[in-house]
Structures are given as structure tokens and as C-alpha cells.
Amino acid sequence: MKINISVNDELVKRVDEYAERNYTNRSAVFAQGANAILLQDLIPYQLGQIAVAFKRIADNNAIDEESKKQLEEFSKLAELLGGKR
């Protein structure tokens, strides 16, 4: 999908230099940057959700559907961050 954004000249220069050094293009650099920001925001949220799920599992001595869903979401994030092991 194409979008239009406005950025200052110095940032464009730095992005272009980074892209050239890393054999990529400007669009990929902006996409990677946006993805990094979104992951940075998602990680603390997911850690909080997994803590809640573990507490609920410990309190109930069973895995309920909501906890199972939270564990699956956390597993997806872990795979995204570190790859499958």
C-alpha cells in the first residue's frame, strides 16, 4: 500500500544513507522503523497479559479459554521476535 508522509530533509538523508549501507530502500527503512515502534509498544502489554494469565492459571489450577488465548498470543510474539526454536 502506498502512503504519503512528510519528514524533514535531514531525516530523509539519514534514511537514504542507512538504506544504501544496508542494501535496502527508503520504504523498507520506514516500514522497519514503524514495526520496531509497534513491537516496542506491544511487548510490555503482552508481558502484562501473560502475567495475568499465569496468575489465573495458578489460582484456578487449570487453563481457561482466555488464558489459553493469551498464551497463544504471547507465543506468536515470541516467534516474531526470536523465530521458532
N, C-alpha and C. Protein backbone atom coordinates (compact mmCIF):
# COMPACT_ATOMS: atom_id res chain seq x y z
N MET A 1 0.85 -1.17 0.00
CA MET A 1 0.00 0.00 0.00
C MET A 1 0.89 1.23 0.00
N LYS A 2 0.54 2.19 -0.77
CA LYS A 2 1.30 3.44 -0.80
C LYS A 2 0.65 4.44 0.15
N ILE A 3 1.52 5.21 0.84
CA ILE A 3 1.05 6.30 1.70
C ILE A 3 1.97 7.49 1.47
N ASN A 4 1.51 8.64 1.84
CA ASN A 4 2.33 9.86 1.78
C ASN A 4 2.60 10.32 3.20
N ILE A 5 3.86 10.63 3.47
CA ILE A 5 4.24 11.17 4.77
C ILE A 5 5.14 12.37 4.55
N SER A 6 5.21 13.23 5.52
CA SER A 6 6.11 14.37 5.46
C SER A 6 7.18 14.21 6.53
N VAL A 7 8.44 14.33 6.11
CA VAL A 7 9.56 14.26 7.04
C VAL A 7 10.57 15.33 6.65
N ASN A 8 11.41 15.71 7.59
CA ASN A 8 12.38 16.76 7.27
C ASN A 8 13.53 16.21 6.43
N ASP A 9 14.21 17.11 5.76
CA ASP A 9 15.27 16.74 4.82
C ASP A 9 16.40 15.95 5.48
N GLU A 10 16.76 16.32 6.71
CA GLU A 10 17.85 15.63 7.40
C GLU A 10 17.49 14.17 7.65
N LEU A 11 16.24 13.92 8.04
CA LEU A 11 15.82 12.54 8.28
C LEU A 11 15.86 11.74 6.98
N VAL A 12 15.38 12.32 5.90
CA VAL A 12 15.42 11.63 4.61
C VAL A 12 16.86 11.29 4.23
N LYS A 13 17.76 12.22 4.45
CA LYS A 13 19.17 11.98 4.14
C LYS A 13 19.71 10.81 4.96
N ARG A 14 19.42 10.80 6.25
CA ARG A 14 19.90 9.72 7.12
C ARG A 14 19.28 8.38 6.74
N VAL A 15 18.01 8.39 6.41
CA VAL A 15 17.33 7.15 6.00
C VAL A 15 17.93 6.63 4.70
N ASP A 16 18.16 7.52 3.74
CA ASP A 16 18.75 7.10 2.48
C ASP A 16 20.15 6.53 2.67
N GLU A 17 20.94 7.14 3.53
CA GLU A 17 22.29 6.63 3.81
C GLU A 17 22.21 5.25 4.46
N TYR A 18 21.31 5.10 5.41
CA TYR A 18 21.13 3.81 6.07
C TYR A 18 20.69 2.75 5.05
N ALA A 19 19.73 3.11 4.21
CA ALA A 19 19.23 2.18 3.20
C ALA A 19 20.35 1.73 2.27
N GLU A 20 21.17 2.65 1.84
CA GLU A 20 22.26 2.31 0.93
C GLU A 20 23.26 1.37 1.60
N ARG A 21 23.61 1.67 2.84
CA ARG A 21 24.56 0.82 3.58
C ARG A 21 24.02 -0.58 3.79
N ASN A 22 22.71 -0.71 3.88
CA ASN A 22 22.08 -1.99 4.20
C ASN A 22 21.38 -2.65 3.01
N TYR A 23 21.69 -2.15 1.83
CA TYR A 23 21.16 -2.75 0.59
C TYR A 23 19.64 -2.89 0.59
N THR A 24 18.99 -1.83 0.98
CA THR A 24 17.54 -1.81 1.01
C THR A 24 17.08 -0.47 0.44
N ASN A 25 15.83 -0.12 0.67
CA ASN A 25 15.33 1.15 0.15
C ASN A 25 14.64 1.94 1.26
N ARG A 26 14.31 3.16 0.92
CA ARG A 26 13.71 4.09 1.87
C ARG A 26 12.41 3.52 2.46
N SER A 27 11.57 2.96 1.61
CA SER A 27 10.28 2.43 2.09
C SER A 27 10.49 1.33 3.13
N ALA A 28 11.47 0.46 2.86
CA ALA A 28 11.73 -0.63 3.79
C ALA A 28 12.23 -0.10 5.13
N VAL A 29 13.05 0.94 5.10
CA VAL A 29 13.56 1.52 6.35
C VAL A 29 12.41 2.10 7.17
N PHE A 30 11.52 2.84 6.52
CA PHE A 30 10.38 3.40 7.26
C PHE A 30 9.46 2.30 7.78
N ALA A 31 9.27 1.24 6.99
CA ALA A 31 8.43 0.13 7.44
C ALA A 31 9.06 -0.57 8.64
N GLN A 32 10.39 -0.79 8.58
CA GLN A 32 11.09 -1.43 9.70
C GLN A 32 11.01 -0.56 10.95
N GLY A 33 11.14 0.75 10.77
CA GLY A 33 11.05 1.66 11.91
C GLY A 33 9.68 1.64 12.55
N ALA A 34 8.65 1.67 11.72
CA ALA A 34 7.28 1.62 12.25
C ALA A 34 7.04 0.30 12.98
N ASN A 35 7.51 -0.79 12.39
CA ASN A 35 7.35 -2.10 13.02
C ASN A 35 8.06 -2.16 14.36
N ALA A 36 9.26 -1.60 14.44
CA ALA A 36 10.01 -1.58 15.70
C ALA A 36 9.26 -0.82 16.78
N ILE A 37 8.69 0.32 16.43
CA ILE A 37 7.93 1.12 17.40
C ILE A 37 6.71 0.34 17.89
N LEU A 38 6.01 -0.31 16.96
CA LEU A 38 4.81 -1.06 17.34
C LEU A 38 5.16 -2.26 18.22
N LEU A 39 6.26 -2.94 17.91
CA LEU A 39 6.69 -4.05 18.76
C LEU A 39 7.11 -3.55 20.13
N GLN A 40 7.80 -2.43 20.17
CA GLN A 40 8.24 -1.85 21.44
C GLN A 40 7.03 -1.55 22.33
N ASP A 41 5.94 -1.14 21.72
CA ASP A 41 4.72 -0.86 22.46
C ASP A 41 4.00 -2.15 22.87
N LEU A 42 4.07 -3.16 22.02
CA LEU A 42 3.34 -4.40 22.25
C LEU A 42 3.96 -5.28 23.33
N ILE A 43 5.27 -5.27 23.44
CA ILE A 43 5.95 -6.18 24.36
C ILE A 43 5.52 -5.98 25.82
N PRO A 44 5.54 -4.76 26.36
CA PRO A 44 5.09 -4.60 27.76
C PRO A 44 3.63 -5.02 27.96
N TYR A 45 2.78 -4.71 26.98
CA TYR A 45 1.37 -5.11 27.07
C TYR A 45 1.25 -6.63 27.13
N GLN A 46 1.95 -7.31 26.23
CA GLN A 46 1.87 -8.77 26.19
C GLN A 46 2.45 -9.40 27.46
N LEU A 47 3.52 -8.82 28.00
CA LEU A 47 4.07 -9.33 29.25
C LEU A 47 3.07 -9.20 30.39
N GLY A 48 2.36 -8.09 30.43
CA GLY A 48 1.31 -7.92 31.43
C GLY A 48 0.20 -8.94 31.27
N GLN A 49 -0.19 -9.18 30.02
CA GLN A 49 -1.25 -10.15 29.75
C GLN A 49 -0.83 -11.57 30.14
N ILE A 50 0.42 -11.91 29.87
CA ILE A 50 0.89 -13.25 30.22
C ILE A 50 0.98 -13.41 31.73
N ALA A 51 1.33 -12.35 32.43
CA ALA A 51 1.36 -12.41 33.90
C ALA A 51 -0.04 -12.65 34.45
N VAL A 52 -1.03 -11.98 33.89
CA VAL A 52 -2.42 -12.17 34.31
C VAL A 52 -2.86 -13.61 34.03
N ALA A 53 -2.50 -14.12 32.86
CA ALA A 53 -2.87 -15.49 32.51
C ALA A 53 -2.24 -16.49 33.47
N PHE A 54 -0.95 -16.31 33.78
CA PHE A 54 -0.29 -17.23 34.70
C PHE A 54 -0.92 -17.18 36.09
N LYS A 55 -1.27 -15.99 36.54
CA LYS A 55 -1.92 -15.87 37.86
C LYS A 55 -3.27 -16.57 37.85
N ARG A 56 -4.04 -16.39 36.78
CA ARG A 56 -5.35 -17.04 36.69
C ARG A 56 -5.18 -18.56 36.66
N ILE A 57 -4.18 -19.04 35.93
CA ILE A 57 -3.92 -20.49 35.88
C ILE A 57 -3.54 -21.00 37.26
N ALA A 58 -2.67 -20.28 37.95
CA ALA A 58 -2.24 -20.69 39.30
C ALA A 58 -3.41 -20.67 40.27
N ASP A 59 -4.23 -19.64 40.21
CA ASP A 59 -5.38 -19.53 41.13
C ASP A 59 -6.41 -20.62 40.90
N ASN A 60 -6.63 -20.98 39.62
CA ASN A 60 -7.67 -21.94 39.28
C ASN A 60 -7.14 -23.36 39.11
N ASN A 61 -5.82 -23.49 39.10
CA ASN A 61 -5.18 -24.79 38.86
C ASN A 61 -5.68 -25.43 37.56
N ALA A 62 -5.96 -24.57 36.58
CA ALA A 62 -6.43 -25.04 35.27
C ALA A 62 -6.25 -23.91 34.25
N ILE A 63 -6.22 -24.30 33.00
CA ILE A 63 -6.09 -23.31 31.93
C ILE A 63 -7.47 -23.07 31.31
N ASP A 64 -8.00 -21.87 31.51
CA ASP A 64 -9.29 -21.50 30.93
C ASP A 64 -9.06 -20.99 29.50
N GLU A 65 -10.12 -20.76 28.77
CA GLU A 65 -10.02 -20.34 27.37
C GLU A 65 -9.34 -18.98 27.20
N GLU A 66 -9.61 -18.05 28.09
CA GLU A 66 -8.98 -16.73 27.99
C GLU A 66 -7.47 -16.84 28.22
N SER A 67 -7.07 -17.63 29.20
CA SER A 67 -5.64 -17.83 29.45
C SER A 67 -4.98 -18.52 28.27
N LYS A 68 -5.66 -19.50 27.69
CA LYS A 68 -5.12 -20.20 26.53
C LYS A 68 -4.91 -19.22 25.37
N LYS A 69 -5.88 -18.33 25.18
CA LYS A 69 -5.77 -17.33 24.11
C LYS A 69 -4.58 -16.40 24.37
N GLN A 70 -4.41 -15.96 25.61
CA GLN A 70 -3.30 -15.07 25.95
C GLN A 70 -1.95 -15.77 25.77
N LEU A 71 -1.88 -17.05 26.12
CA LEU A 71 -0.65 -17.81 25.93
C LEU A 71 -0.32 -17.96 24.45
N GLU A 72 -1.33 -18.17 23.62
CA GLU A 72 -1.12 -18.28 22.18
C GLU A 72 -0.64 -16.96 21.59
N GLU A 73 -1.21 -15.85 22.03
CA GLU A 73 -0.78 -14.53 21.55
C GLU A 73 0.67 -14.26 21.95
N PHE A 74 1.02 -14.63 23.17
CA PHE A 74 2.39 -14.44 23.62
C PHE A 74 3.36 -15.31 22.82
N SER A 75 2.94 -16.52 22.53
CA SER A 75 3.75 -17.43 21.73
C SER A 75 4.01 -16.86 20.33
N LYS A 76 2.99 -16.25 19.74
CA LYS A 76 3.13 -15.62 18.42
C LYS A 76 4.14 -14.47 18.49
N LEU A 77 4.07 -13.68 19.54
CA LEU A 77 5.00 -12.57 19.70
C LEU A 77 6.43 -13.09 19.88
N ALA A 78 6.59 -14.14 20.69
CA ALA A 78 7.92 -14.71 20.91
C ALA A 78 8.49 -15.24 19.60
N GLU A 79 7.68 -15.87 18.78
CA GLU A 79 8.15 -16.36 17.48
C GLU A 79 8.54 -15.19 16.58
N LEU A 80 7.76 -14.14 16.61
CA LEU A 80 8.05 -12.97 15.80
C LEU A 80 9.38 -12.33 16.21
N LEU A 81 9.64 -12.28 17.49
CA LEU A 81 10.85 -11.66 17.99
C LEU A 81 12.09 -12.54 17.85
N GLY A 82 11.93 -13.84 18.07
CA GLY A 82 13.11 -14.68 18.11
C GLY A 82 13.11 -15.83 17.13
N GLY A 83 12.06 -15.97 16.39
CA GLY A 83 11.99 -17.11 15.49
C GLY A 83 11.61 -18.38 16.23
N LYS A 84 11.21 -19.38 15.47
CA LYS A 84 10.85 -20.66 16.07
C LYS A 84 12.10 -21.37 16.52
N ARG A 85 12.00 -22.06 17.60
CA ARG A 85 13.15 -22.82 18.14
C ARG A 85 12.81 -24.29 18.15
